[in-house]
Amino acid sequence: MLSRTASNLFWMGRHLERAETAARLLDVGQRITLLPNSDAGYRNEWNSLLQASGTSDLFLQKYGEITQENIEEFFFFDRENPSSVVSCVEKAREAGRIVRTALTSQVWDALNVTYQELRRIEKTPRDKLDTATLTDVTTGHTSTVRGAINATQLRNDGWHFIHIGFGLERADATARLLDVKYFVLLPRVEFVGSGLDTYQWMVILRALSAHRAFHWAYGGDITAGGVADFLILNGESPRSLITSLYETVWHLDGLARRYGDDVPATARDRAKLTLDALQERDIDAIFDEGLHEFLSWFIGEIAAVSNQVHQDYFLGGS
């Protein structure tokens, strides 16, 4: 496969997943602000999304004031924010258009419908929209595209590249959503273990569409240790760090078998080392290390694997 085609398929997967992440971050913020709190508390909780997503400086330069309306505009509609829903869907569609002949008609149609629906929403007066609608539209359409990919694409190298993009972005997204807890609770250590703490962990689960699955897996009460274990180390949890990384390694291994000695398997080897390091930890060790510190390490590892994928497969001359 041409390196240009591989790159576009990889980034199509990443941008679709990133669009969904931006919508889920909005959902987290909106649910947290339903709690009784002060105005200062609301600003802190919206700011937590900016901190976790790494876009605080860009937002403050353009908007200044942190309000729900400004955050929604920035996370969903703002084309100057490269991680906004609209920006990511446009990039995913453009990547798909460039490699149109590598996609089935069902995948292209689903991608195009997603783009057209967001264009329609973009023209809707903002006071006619709410956060739940924006989140549901985004996650519904990205799920449709993903379903078309899994139902109709050949299980060839292009399919592997799309899913490597999905896996790396999903691992990064879950880590960043978990890190929202750190930024929200940082100035309020006294709330750890309280009803507020439990509610915020429940918000994270709901934002990841994992609330019912968590109760299936763990039952009982929602606790920090249980939720963190479910979203980090539980291999049955579809959006957990370990599941996302395991699936990424599986697809990288598929490419390594397909290309053999023609392409170095450095990205696969780096991803396997990270997976091994993750498997050696338990949740107590992660909390002893510090959840924020662990997540920062993991996000850095995912970035390193992504860079190595670029080095291994996308720098070819064709």
C-alpha atoms as a PDB file:
ATOM      1  CA  MET A   1       0.000   0.000   0.000  1.00  0.00           C
ATOM      2  CA  LEU A   2       1.214   3.543  -0.795  1.00  0.00           C
ATOM      3  CA  SER A   3       2.420   5.392   2.278  1.00  0.00           C
ATOM      4  CA  ARG A   4       0.127   8.296   1.375  1.00  0.00           C
ATOM      5  CA  THR A   5      -2.903   5.986   1.347  1.00  0.00           C
ATOM      6  CA  ALA A   6      -1.867   4.352   4.628  1.00  0.00           C
ATOM      7  CA  SER A   7      -1.444   7.754   6.270  1.00  0.00           C
ATOM      8  CA  ASN A   8      -4.876   8.988   5.177  1.00  0.00           C
ATOM      9  CA  LEU A   9      -6.599   5.830   6.412  1.00  0.00           C
ATOM     10  CA  PHE A  10      -4.760   6.051   9.746  1.00  0.00           C
ATOM     11  CA  TRP A  11      -5.717   9.702  10.218  1.00  0.00           C
ATOM     12  CA  MET A  12      -9.277   9.105   9.095  1.00  0.00           C
ATOM     13  CA  GLY A  13      -9.591   6.666  12.016  1.00  0.00           C
ATOM     14  CA  ARG A  14      -7.864   9.005  14.461  1.00  0.00           C
ATOM     15  CA  HIS A  15      -9.934  12.044  13.518  1.00  0.00           C
ATOM     16  CA  LEU A  16     -13.214  10.146  13.777  1.00  0.00           C
ATOM     17  CA  GLU A  17     -12.264   8.958  17.243  1.00  0.00           C
ATOM     18  CA  ARG A  18     -11.036  12.445  18.189  1.00  0.00           C
ATOM     19  CA  ALA A  19     -14.350  13.995  17.140  1.00  0.00           C
ATOM     20  CA  GLU A  20     -16.139  11.553  19.422  1.00  0.00           C
ATOM     21  CA  THR A  21     -13.749  12.406  22.255  1.00  0.00           C
ATOM     22  CA  ALA A  22     -14.483  16.132  21.956  1.00  0.00           C
ATOM     23  CA  ALA A  23     -18.217  15.386  22.158  1.00  0.00           C
ATOM     24  CA  ARG A  24     -17.714  13.119  25.170  1.00  0.00           C
ATOM     25  CA  LEU A  25     -15.631  15.798  26.930  1.00  0.00           C
ATOM     26  CA  LEU A  26     -18.524  18.222  26.457  1.00  0.00           C
ATOM     27  CA  ASP A  27     -20.839  15.645  27.985  1.00  0.00           C
ATOM     28  CA  VAL A  28     -18.560  15.296  31.024  1.00  0.00           C
ATOM     29  CA  GLY A  29     -18.523  19.046  31.587  1.00  0.00           C
ATOM     30  CA  GLN A  30     -22.270  19.452  31.174  1.00  0.00           C
ATOM     31  CA  ARG A  31     -23.047  16.617  33.612  1.00  0.00           C
ATOM     32  CA  ILE A  32     -20.629  17.942  36.241  1.00  0.00           C
ATOM     33  CA  THR A  33     -22.209  21.396  36.152  1.00  0.00           C
ATOM     34  CA  LEU A  34     -25.566  19.849  37.112  1.00  0.00           C
ATOM     35  CA  LEU A  35     -24.173  19.510  40.632  1.00  0.00           C
ATOM     36  CA  PRO A  36     -24.954  22.302  43.108  1.00  0.00           C
ATOM     37  CA  ASN A  37     -21.886  24.493  43.150  1.00  0.00           C
ATOM     38  CA  SER A  38     -20.614  28.039  42.987  1.00  0.00           C
ATOM     39  CA  ASP A  39     -19.940  29.959  39.802  1.00  0.00           C
ATOM     40  CA  ALA A  40     -16.231  29.613  40.534  1.00  0.00           C
ATOM     41  CA  GLY A  41     -16.692  25.865  40.758  1.00  0.00           C
ATOM     42  CA  TYR A  42     -18.341  25.749  37.340  1.00  0.00           C
ATOM     43  CA  ARG A  43     -15.474  27.659  35.802  1.00  0.00           C
ATOM     44  CA  ASN A  44     -12.991  25.261  37.346  1.00  0.00           C
ATOM     45  CA  GLU A  45     -14.843  22.255  35.991  1.00  0.00           C
ATOM     46  CA  TRP A  46     -15.080  23.634  32.451  1.00  0.00           C
ATOM     47  CA  ASN A  47     -11.424  24.600  32.742  1.00  0.00           C
ATOM     48  CA  SER A  48     -10.645  20.990  33.671  1.00  0.00           C
ATOM     49  CA  LEU A  49     -11.734  19.936  30.173  1.00  0.00           C
ATOM     50  CA  LEU A  50      -9.360  22.439  28.602  1.00  0.00           C
ATOM     51  CA  GLN A  51      -6.508  21.256  30.813  1.00  0.00           C
ATOM     52  CA  ALA A  52      -7.124  17.582  30.104  1.00  0.00           C
ATOM     53  CA  SER A  53      -7.452  18.157  26.350  1.00  0.00           C
ATOM     54  CA  GLY A  54      -4.308  20.310  26.221  1.00  0.00           C
ATOM     55  CA  THR A  55      -6.127  23.222  24.538  1.00  0.00           C
ATOM     56  CA  SER A  56      -6.302  25.738  27.391  1.00  0.00           C
ATOM     57  CA  ASP A  57      -3.886  28.272  25.865  1.00  0.00           C
ATOM     58  CA  LEU A  58      -5.607  28.230  22.479  1.00  0.00           C
ATOM     59  CA  PHE A  59      -9.019  28.721  24.079  1.00  0.00           C
ATOM     60  CA  LEU A  60      -7.924  31.570  26.346  1.00  0.00           C
ATOM     61  CA  GLN A  61      -6.223  33.412  23.492  1.00  0.00           C
ATOM     62  CA  LYS A  62      -9.443  33.438  21.480  1.00  0.00           C
ATOM     63  CA  TYR A  63     -12.259  33.509  24.047  1.00  0.00           C
ATOM     64  CA  GLY A  64     -10.756  34.704  27.314  1.00  0.00           C
ATOM     65  CA  GLU A  65     -13.748  33.971  29.528  1.00  0.00           C
ATOM     66  CA  ILE A  66     -14.499  30.344  30.394  1.00  0.00           C
ATOM     67  CA  THR A  67     -18.247  29.833  30.031  1.00  0.00           C
ATOM     68  CA  GLN A  68     -20.336  26.868  28.952  1.00  0.00           C
ATOM     69  CA  GLU A  69     -21.356  28.665  25.749  1.00  0.00           C
ATOM     70  CA  ASN A  70     -17.737  29.434  24.818  1.00  0.00           C
ATOM     71  CA  ILE A  71     -16.594  25.907  25.668  1.00  0.00           C
ATOM     72  CA  GLU A  72     -19.330  24.365  23.516  1.00  0.00           C
ATOM     73  CA  GLU A  73     -18.439  26.626  20.599  1.00  0.00           C
ATOM     74  CA  PHE A  74     -14.753  25.803  20.980  1.00  0.00           C
ATOM     75  CA  PHE A  75     -15.110  22.038  21.418  1.00  0.00           C
ATOM     76  CA  PHE A  76     -17.786  21.517  18.804  1.00  0.00           C
ATOM     77  CA  PHE A  77     -17.811  24.201  16.106  1.00  0.00           C
ATOM     78  CA  ASP A  78     -14.522  26.131  16.168  1.00  0.00           C
ATOM     79  CA  ARG A  79     -12.407  25.371  13.096  1.00  0.00           C
ATOM     80  CA  GLU A  80      -9.427  27.119  14.683  1.00  0.00           C
ATOM     81  CA  ASN A  81      -9.451  24.350  17.278  1.00  0.00           C
ATOM     82  CA  PRO A  82      -7.907  21.363  15.424  1.00  0.00           C
ATOM     83  CA  SER A  83      -9.548  18.985  17.911  1.00  0.00           C
ATOM     84  CA  SER A  84     -13.112  20.325  17.627  1.00  0.00           C
ATOM     85  CA  VAL A  85     -15.833  17.983  16.395  1.00  0.00           C
ATOM     86  CA  VAL A  86     -16.367  19.936  13.173  1.00  0.00           C
ATOM     87  CA  SER A  87     -12.625  20.185  12.453  1.00  0.00           C
ATOM     88  CA  CYS A  88     -12.048  16.480  13.041  1.00  0.00           C
ATOM     89  CA  VAL A  89     -15.018  15.313  10.970  1.00  0.00           C
ATOM     90  CA  GLU A  90     -13.972  17.558   8.093  1.00  0.00           C
ATOM     91  CA  LYS A  91     -10.427  16.170   8.266  1.00  0.00           C
ATOM     92  CA  ALA A  92     -11.707  12.584   8.435  1.00  0.00           C
ATOM     93  CA  ARG A  93     -13.961  13.159   5.419  1.00  0.00           C
ATOM     94  CA  GLU A  94     -11.150  14.807   3.450  1.00  0.00           C
ATOM     95  CA  ALA A  95      -8.812  11.914   4.242  1.00  0.00           C
ATOM     96  CA  GLY A  96     -11.547   9.509   3.114  1.00  0.00           C
ATOM     97  CA  ARG A  97     -12.102  11.492  -0.082  1.00  0.00           C
ATOM     98  CA  ILE A  98      -8.404  11.324  -0.942  1.00  0.00           C
ATOM     99  CA  VAL A  99      -8.436   7.515  -0.583  1.00  0.00           C
ATOM    100  CA  ARG A 100     -12.002   7.092  -1.850  1.00  0.00           C
ATOM    101  CA  THR A 101     -11.070   4.020  -3.914  1.00  0.00           C
ATOM    102  CA  ALA A 102      -9.779   2.283  -0.750  1.00  0.00           C
ATOM    103  CA  LEU A 103     -13.182   2.612   0.962  1.00  0.00           C
ATOM    104  CA  THR A 104     -16.409   0.739   0.312  1.00  0.00           C
ATOM    105  CA  SER A 105     -19.412   2.781  -0.781  1.00  0.00           C
ATOM    106  CA  GLN A 106     -21.067   2.091   2.587  1.00  0.00           C
ATOM    107  CA  VAL A 107     -18.133   3.592   4.503  1.00  0.00           C
ATOM    108  CA  TRP A 108     -17.965   6.629   2.241  1.00  0.00           C
ATOM    109  CA  ASP A 109     -21.720   7.183   2.477  1.00  0.00           C
ATOM    110  CA  ALA A 110     -21.655   6.968   6.283  1.00  0.00           C
ATOM    111  CA  LEU A 111     -18.729   9.378   6.419  1.00  0.00           C
ATOM    112  CA  ASN A 112     -20.439  11.788   4.059  1.00  0.00           C
ATOM    113  CA  VAL A 113     -23.739  11.678   5.957  1.00  0.00           C
ATOM    114  CA  THR A 114     -21.857  12.482   9.179  1.00  0.00           C
ATOM    115  CA  TYR A 115     -20.268  15.505   7.520  1.00  0.00           C
ATOM    116  CA  GLN A 116     -23.551  16.741   6.044  1.00  0.00           C
ATOM    117  CA  GLU A 117     -25.383  16.354   9.360  1.00  0.00           C
ATOM    118  CA  LEU A 118     -22.765  18.463  11.138  1.00  0.00           C
ATOM    119  CA  ARG A 119     -23.025  21.102   8.423  1.00  0.00           C
ATOM    120  CA  ARG A 120     -26.768  21.201   9.047  1.00  0.00           C
ATOM    121  CA  ILE A 121     -26.301  21.538  12.814  1.00  0.00           C
ATOM    122  CA  GLU A 122     -23.717  24.256  12.274  1.00  0.00           C
ATOM    123  CA  LYS A 123     -26.403  26.402  10.605  1.00  0.00           C
ATOM    124  CA  THR A 124     -28.830  25.887  13.504  1.00  0.00           C
ATOM    125  CA  PRO A 125     -29.095  28.801  15.988  1.00  0.00           C
ATOM    126  CA  ARG A 126     -27.016  27.958  19.033  1.00  0.00           C
ATOM    127  CA  ASP A 127     -29.904  28.573  21.435  1.00  0.00           C
ATOM    128  CA  LYS A 128     -31.791  25.757  19.704  1.00  0.00           C
ATOM    129  CA  LEU A 129     -29.050  23.238  20.517  1.00  0.00           C
ATOM    130  CA  ASP A 130     -28.047  21.570  23.767  1.00  0.00           C
ATOM    131  CA  THR A 131     -24.969  19.637  24.797  1.00  0.00           C
ATOM    132  CA  ALA A 132     -26.752  16.287  24.951  1.00  0.00           C
ATOM    133  CA  THR A 133     -27.936  16.660  21.344  1.00  0.00           C
ATOM    134  CA  LEU A 134     -24.463  17.581  20.104  1.00  0.00           C
ATOM    135  CA  THR A 135     -22.940  14.610  21.910  1.00  0.00           C
ATOM    136  CA  ASP A 136     -25.582  12.122  20.761  1.00  0.00           C
ATOM    137  CA  VAL A 137     -25.386  13.206  17.115  1.00  0.00           C
ATOM    138  CA  THR A 138     -21.608  12.920  17.100  1.00  0.00           C
ATOM    139  CA  THR A 139     -21.317   9.555  18.843  1.00  0.00           C
ATOM    140  CA  GLY A 140     -24.216   8.112  16.838  1.00  0.00           C
ATOM    141  CA  HIS A 141     -22.757   9.028  13.463  1.00  0.00           C
ATOM    142  CA  THR A 142     -19.165   8.046  14.299  1.00  0.00           C
ATOM    143  CA  SER A 143     -20.474   4.671  15.495  1.00  0.00           C
ATOM    144  CA  THR A 144     -22.265   4.251  12.168  1.00  0.00           C
ATOM    145  CA  VAL A 145     -19.039   4.909  10.258  1.00  0.00           C
ATOM    146  CA  ARG A 146     -17.159   2.460  12.456  1.00  0.00           C
ATOM    147  CA  GLY A 147     -19.872  -0.143  11.937  1.00  0.00           C
ATOM    148  CA  ALA A 148     -19.676   0.283   8.153  1.00  0.00           C
ATOM    149  CA  ILE A 149     -15.898  -0.143   8.302  1.00  0.00           C
ATOM    150  CA  ASN A 150     -16.149  -3.379  10.287  1.00  0.00           C
ATOM    151  CA  ALA A 151     -19.022  -4.744   8.218  1.00  0.00           C
ATOM    152  CA  THR A 152     -17.750  -4.023   4.697  1.00  0.00           C
ATOM    153  CA  GLN A 153     -14.001  -3.333   4.508  1.00  0.00           C
ATOM    154  CA  LEU A 154     -11.559  -6.072   3.561  1.00  0.00           C
ATOM    155  CA  ARG A 155      -9.370  -7.207   6.464  1.00  0.00           C
ATOM    156  CA  ASN A 156      -6.299  -5.975   4.597  1.00  0.00           C
ATOM    157  CA  ASP A 157      -3.531  -3.530   5.471  1.00  0.00           C
ATOM    158  CA  GLY A 158      -5.865  -0.551   5.019  1.00  0.00           C
ATOM    159  CA  TRP A 159      -8.227  -1.995   7.626  1.00  0.00           C
ATOM    160  CA  HIS A 160      -5.272  -2.411   9.995  1.00  0.00           C
ATOM    161  CA  PHE A 161      -4.219   1.231   9.529  1.00  0.00           C
ATOM    162  CA  ILE A 162      -7.734   2.528  10.231  1.00  0.00           C
ATOM    163  CA  HIS A 163      -7.940   0.486  13.423  1.00  0.00           C
ATOM    164  CA  ILE A 164      -4.480   1.493  14.585  1.00  0.00           C
ATOM    165  CA  GLY A 165      -5.725   5.066  14.313  1.00  0.00           C
ATOM    166  CA  PHE A 166      -8.859   4.169  16.266  1.00  0.00           C
ATOM    167  CA  GLY A 167      -6.906   2.306  18.957  1.00  0.00           C
ATOM    168  CA  LEU A 168      -4.230   4.911  19.609  1.00  0.00           C
ATOM    169  CA  GLU A 169      -6.730   7.760  19.685  1.00  0.00           C
ATOM    170  CA  ARG A 170      -9.107   5.862  21.954  1.00  0.00           C
ATOM    171  CA  ALA A 171      -6.321   5.038  24.399  1.00  0.00           C
ATOM    172  CA  ASP A 172      -5.292   8.688  24.492  1.00  0.00           C
ATOM    173  CA  ALA A 173      -8.938   9.808  24.862  1.00  0.00           C
ATOM    174  CA  THR A 174      -9.756   7.518  27.784  1.00  0.00           C
ATOM    175  CA  ALA A 175      -6.588   8.636  29.564  1.00  0.00           C
ATOM    176  CA  ARG A 176      -7.507  12.304  29.053  1.00  0.00           C
ATOM    177  CA  LEU A 177     -11.091  11.778  30.219  1.00  0.00           C
ATOM    178  CA  LEU A 178      -9.784  10.062  33.341  1.00  0.00           C
ATOM    179  CA  ASP A 179      -7.396  12.947  33.871  1.00  0.00           C
ATOM    180  CA  VAL A 180     -10.355  15.351  34.055  1.00  0.00           C
ATOM    181  CA  LYS A 181     -10.860  13.922  37.547  1.00  0.00           C
ATOM    182  CA  TYR A 182      -7.394  15.075  38.550  1.00  0.00           C
ATOM    183  CA  PHE A 183      -7.945  18.633  37.353  1.00  0.00           C
ATOM    184  CA  VAL A 184     -11.436  18.873  38.860  1.00  0.00           C
ATOM    185  CA  LEU A 185     -10.453  17.542  42.290  1.00  0.00           C
ATOM    186  CA  LEU A 186      -6.975  19.043  42.496  1.00  0.00           C
ATOM    187  CA  PRO A 187      -8.005  22.029  44.659  1.00  0.00           C
ATOM    188  CA  ARG A 188     -10.493  19.965  46.715  1.00  0.00           C
ATOM    189  CA  VAL A 189      -8.686  17.005  48.209  1.00  0.00           C
ATOM    190  CA  GLU A 190     -11.276  16.930  51.006  1.00  0.00           C
ATOM    191  CA  PHE A 191     -13.917  15.760  48.502  1.00  0.00           C
ATOM    192  CA  VAL A 192     -12.126  12.490  47.728  1.00  0.00           C
ATOM    193  CA  GLY A 193     -14.379   9.624  48.804  1.00  0.00           C
ATOM    194  CA  SER A 194     -17.395  11.898  49.183  1.00  0.00           C
ATOM    195  CA  GLY A 195     -20.723  11.820  47.361  1.00  0.00           C
ATOM    196  CA  LEU A 196     -19.360  14.436  44.952  1.00  0.00           C
ATOM    197  CA  ASP A 197     -16.368  12.234  44.207  1.00  0.00           C
ATOM    198  CA  THR A 198     -18.643   9.252  43.481  1.00  0.00           C
ATOM    199  CA  TYR A 199     -20.866  11.339  41.219  1.00  0.00           C
ATOM    200  CA  GLN A 200     -17.900  12.541  39.195  1.00  0.00           C
ATOM    201  CA  TRP A 201     -16.631   8.987  38.688  1.00  0.00           C
ATOM    202  CA  MET A 202     -20.144   8.066  37.524  1.00  0.00           C
ATOM    203  CA  VAL A 203     -20.005  10.982  35.062  1.00  0.00           C
ATOM    204  CA  ILE A 204     -16.794   9.583  33.575  1.00  0.00           C
ATOM    205  CA  LEU A 205     -18.457   6.189  33.123  1.00  0.00           C
ATOM    206  CA  ARG A 206     -21.535   7.691  31.478  1.00  0.00           C
ATOM    207  CA  ALA A 207     -19.418   9.863  29.186  1.00  0.00           C
ATOM    208  CA  LEU A 208     -17.704   6.698  27.957  1.00  0.00           C
ATOM    209  CA  SER A 209     -21.027   4.823  27.610  1.00  0.00           C
ATOM    210  CA  ALA A 210     -19.672   2.430  30.222  1.00  0.00           C
ATOM    211  CA  HIS A 211     -22.007   2.858  33.210  1.00  0.00           C
ATOM    212  CA  ARG A 212     -24.024  -0.338  32.706  1.00  0.00           C
ATOM    213  CA  ALA A 213     -20.975  -2.337  31.620  1.00  0.00           C
ATOM    214  CA  PHE A 214     -19.189  -1.290  34.828  1.00  0.00           C
ATOM    215  CA  HIS A 215     -22.028  -2.657  36.946  1.00  0.00           C
ATOM    216  CA  TRP A 216     -22.044  -5.876  34.942  1.00  0.00           C
ATOM    217  CA  ALA A 217     -18.327  -6.291  35.594  1.00  0.00           C
ATOM    218  CA  TYR A 218     -18.105  -5.075  39.202  1.00  0.00           C
ATOM    219  CA  GLY A 219     -21.598  -4.684  40.644  1.00  0.00           C
ATOM    220  CA  GLY A 220     -22.024  -2.811  43.895  1.00  0.00           C
ATOM    221  CA  ASP A 221     -20.918   0.719  44.549  1.00  0.00           C
ATOM    222  CA  ILE A 222     -19.006   3.053  42.276  1.00  0.00           C
ATOM    223  CA  THR A 223     -15.572   3.659  43.765  1.00  0.00           C
ATOM    224  CA  ALA A 224     -12.468   5.412  42.502  1.00  0.00           C
ATOM    225  CA  GLY A 225     -10.494   2.161  42.519  1.00  0.00           C
ATOM    226  CA  GLY A 226     -13.214   0.216  40.732  1.00  0.00           C
ATOM    227  CA  VAL A 227     -13.768   2.770  37.979  1.00  0.00           C
ATOM    228  CA  ALA A 228     -10.057   3.340  37.457  1.00  0.00           C
ATOM    229  CA  ASP A 229      -9.424  -0.417  37.277  1.00  0.00           C
ATOM    230  CA  PHE A 230     -12.295  -0.808  34.789  1.00  0.00           C
ATOM    231  CA  LEU A 231     -11.060   1.993  32.519  1.00  0.00           C
ATOM    232  CA  ILE A 232      -7.354   1.208  32.788  1.00  0.00           C
ATOM    233  CA  LEU A 233      -6.711  -2.504  33.369  1.00  0.00           C
ATOM    234  CA  ASN A 234      -9.901  -4.432  32.571  1.00  0.00           C
ATOM    235  CA  GLY A 235      -9.418  -6.298  29.297  1.00  0.00           C
ATOM    236  CA  GLU A 236     -13.177  -6.795  28.900  1.00  0.00           C
ATOM    237  CA  SER A 237     -13.838  -3.049  28.976  1.00  0.00           C
ATOM    238  CA  PRO A 238     -13.933  -1.906  25.316  1.00  0.00           C
ATOM    239  CA  ARG A 239     -12.548   1.592  25.949  1.00  0.00           C
ATOM    240  CA  SER A 240     -10.009   0.722  28.647  1.00  0.00           C
ATOM    241  CA  LEU A 241      -6.376   1.644  28.179  1.00  0.00           C
ATOM    242  CA  ILE A 242      -5.282  -1.974  28.144  1.00  0.00           C
ATOM    243  CA  THR A 243      -7.953  -3.026  25.604  1.00  0.00           C
ATOM    244  CA  SER A 244      -7.205  -0.111  23.288  1.00  0.00           C
ATOM    245  CA  LEU A 245      -3.477  -0.790  23.454  1.00  0.00           C
ATOM    246  CA  TYR A 246      -3.886  -4.558  23.061  1.00  0.00           C
ATOM    247  CA  GLU A 247      -5.995  -4.065  19.917  1.00  0.00           C
ATOM    248  CA  THR A 248      -3.430  -1.580  18.573  1.00  0.00           C
ATOM    249  CA  VAL A 249      -0.642  -4.117  19.116  1.00  0.00           C
ATOM    250  CA  TRP A 250      -2.758  -6.789  17.386  1.00  0.00           C
ATOM    251  CA  HIS A 251      -3.215  -4.615  14.292  1.00  0.00           C
ATOM    252  CA  LEU A 252       0.455  -3.561  14.279  1.00  0.00           C
ATOM    253  CA  ASP A 253       1.359  -7.236  14.480  1.00  0.00           C
ATOM    254  CA  GLY A 254      -0.898  -7.847  11.472  1.00  0.00           C
ATOM    255  CA  LEU A 255       1.048  -5.250   9.490  1.00  0.00           C
ATOM    256  CA  ALA A 256       4.362  -6.724  10.625  1.00  0.00           C
ATOM    257  CA  ARG A 257       3.299 -10.171   9.379  1.00  0.00           C
ATOM    258  CA  ARG A 258       2.024  -8.708   6.103  1.00  0.00           C
ATOM    259  CA  TYR A 259       5.118  -6.632   5.281  1.00  0.00           C
ATOM    260  CA  GLY A 260       7.759  -8.870   6.863  1.00  0.00           C
ATOM    261  CA  ASP A 261      11.329  -7.577   6.580  1.00  0.00           C
ATOM    262  CA  ASP A 262      10.332  -4.878   4.084  1.00  0.00           C
ATOM    263  CA  VAL A 263       9.234  -2.544   6.894  1.00  0.00           C
ATOM    264  CA  PRO A 264      10.693  -2.330  10.422  1.00  0.00           C
ATOM    265  CA  ALA A 265       8.281  -3.312  13.187  1.00  0.00           C
ATOM    266  CA  THR A 266       9.570  -0.634  15.557  1.00  0.00           C
ATOM    267  CA  ALA A 267       6.100   0.757  16.289  1.00  0.00           C
ATOM    268  CA  ARG A 268       4.799  -2.708  17.191  1.00  0.00           C
ATOM    269  CA  ASP A 269       7.772  -3.351  19.459  1.00  0.00           C
ATOM    270  CA  ARG A 270       7.334   0.015  21.215  1.00  0.00           C
ATOM    271  CA  ALA A 271       3.619  -0.618  21.685  1.00  0.00           C
ATOM    272  CA  LYS A 272       4.335  -4.090  23.103  1.00  0.00           C
ATOM    273  CA  LEU A 273       6.755  -2.619  25.645  1.00  0.00           C
ATOM    274  CA  THR A 274       4.090  -0.172  26.780  1.00  0.00           C
ATOM    275  CA  LEU A 275       1.519  -2.971  26.968  1.00  0.00           C
ATOM    276  CA  ASP A 276       3.924  -5.096  29.024  1.00  0.00           C
ATOM    277  CA  ALA A 277       4.502  -2.190  31.407  1.00  0.00           C
ATOM    278  CA  LEU A 278       0.739  -1.725  31.756  1.00  0.00           C
ATOM    279  CA  GLN A 279       0.170  -5.432  32.434  1.00  0.00           C
ATOM    280  CA  GLU A 280       2.770  -5.394  35.207  1.00  0.00           C
ATOM    281  CA  ARG A 281       0.789  -2.795  37.182  1.00  0.00           C
ATOM    282  CA  ASP A 282      -2.252  -3.217  39.379  1.00  0.00           C
ATOM    283  CA  ILE A 283      -4.590  -0.422  40.360  1.00  0.00           C
ATOM    284  CA  ASP A 284      -3.009  -0.015  43.812  1.00  0.00           C
ATOM    285  CA  ALA A 285       0.394   0.516  42.220  1.00  0.00           C
ATOM    286  CA  ILE A 286      -1.118   3.098  39.862  1.00  0.00           C
ATOM    287  CA  PHE A 287      -2.688   5.047  42.733  1.00  0.00           C
ATOM    288  CA  ASP A 288       0.567   4.817  44.705  1.00  0.00           C
ATOM    289  CA  GLU A 289       2.381   6.232  41.685  1.00  0.00           C
ATOM    290  CA  GLY A 290      -0.287   8.935  41.331  1.00  0.00           C
ATOM    291  CA  LEU A 291      -3.130   8.690  38.848  1.00  0.00           C
ATOM    292  CA  HIS A 292      -2.198  11.930  37.085  1.00  0.00           C
ATOM    293  CA  GLU A 293       1.461  10.936  36.881  1.00  0.00           C
ATOM    294  CA  PHE A 294       0.556   7.519  35.494  1.00  0.00           C
ATOM    295  CA  LEU A 295      -1.825   8.995  32.911  1.00  0.00           C
ATOM    296  CA  SER A 296       0.777  11.560  31.841  1.00  0.00           C
ATOM    297  CA  TRP A 297       3.261   8.720  31.314  1.00  0.00           C
ATOM    298  CA  PHE A 298       0.717   6.723  29.325  1.00  0.00           C
ATOM    299  CA  ILE A 299      -0.289   9.655  27.107  1.00  0.00           C
ATOM    300  CA  GLY A 300       3.396  10.215  26.359  1.00  0.00           C
ATOM    301  CA  GLU A 301       3.824   6.542  25.452  1.00  0.00           C
ATOM    302  CA  ILE A 302       0.860   6.649  23.074  1.00  0.00           C
ATOM    303  CA  ALA A 303       2.338   9.723  21.387  1.00  0.00           C
ATOM    304  CA  ALA A 304       5.661   7.902  21.003  1.00  0.00           C
ATOM    305  CA  VAL A 305       3.973   4.864  19.411  1.00  0.00           C
ATOM    306  CA  SER A 306       2.057   7.136  17.034  1.00  0.00           C
ATOM    307  CA  ASN A 307       5.262   8.894  16.007  1.00  0.00           C
ATOM    308  CA  GLN A 308       6.890   5.528  15.389  1.00  0.00           C
ATOM    309  CA  VAL A 309       3.964   4.403  13.198  1.00  0.00           C
ATOM    310  CA  HIS A 310       4.618   7.544  11.164  1.00  0.00           C
ATOM    311  CA  GLN A 311       8.321   6.695  10.917  1.00  0.00           C
ATOM    312  CA  ASP A 312       7.735   3.047   9.985  1.00  0.00           C
ATOM    313  CA  TYR A 313       4.967   3.407   7.420  1.00  0.00           C
ATOM    314  CA  PHE A 314       4.284   6.971   6.265  1.00  0.00           C
ATOM    315  CA  LEU A 315       7.682   8.309   5.202  1.00  0.00           C
ATOM    316  CA  GLY A 316       7.931   6.271   2.015  1.00  0.00           C
ATOM    317  CA  GLY A 317       8.600   7.962  -1.265  1.00  0.00           C
ATOM    318  CA  SER A 318       5.280   6.984  -2.876  1.00  0.00           C
END
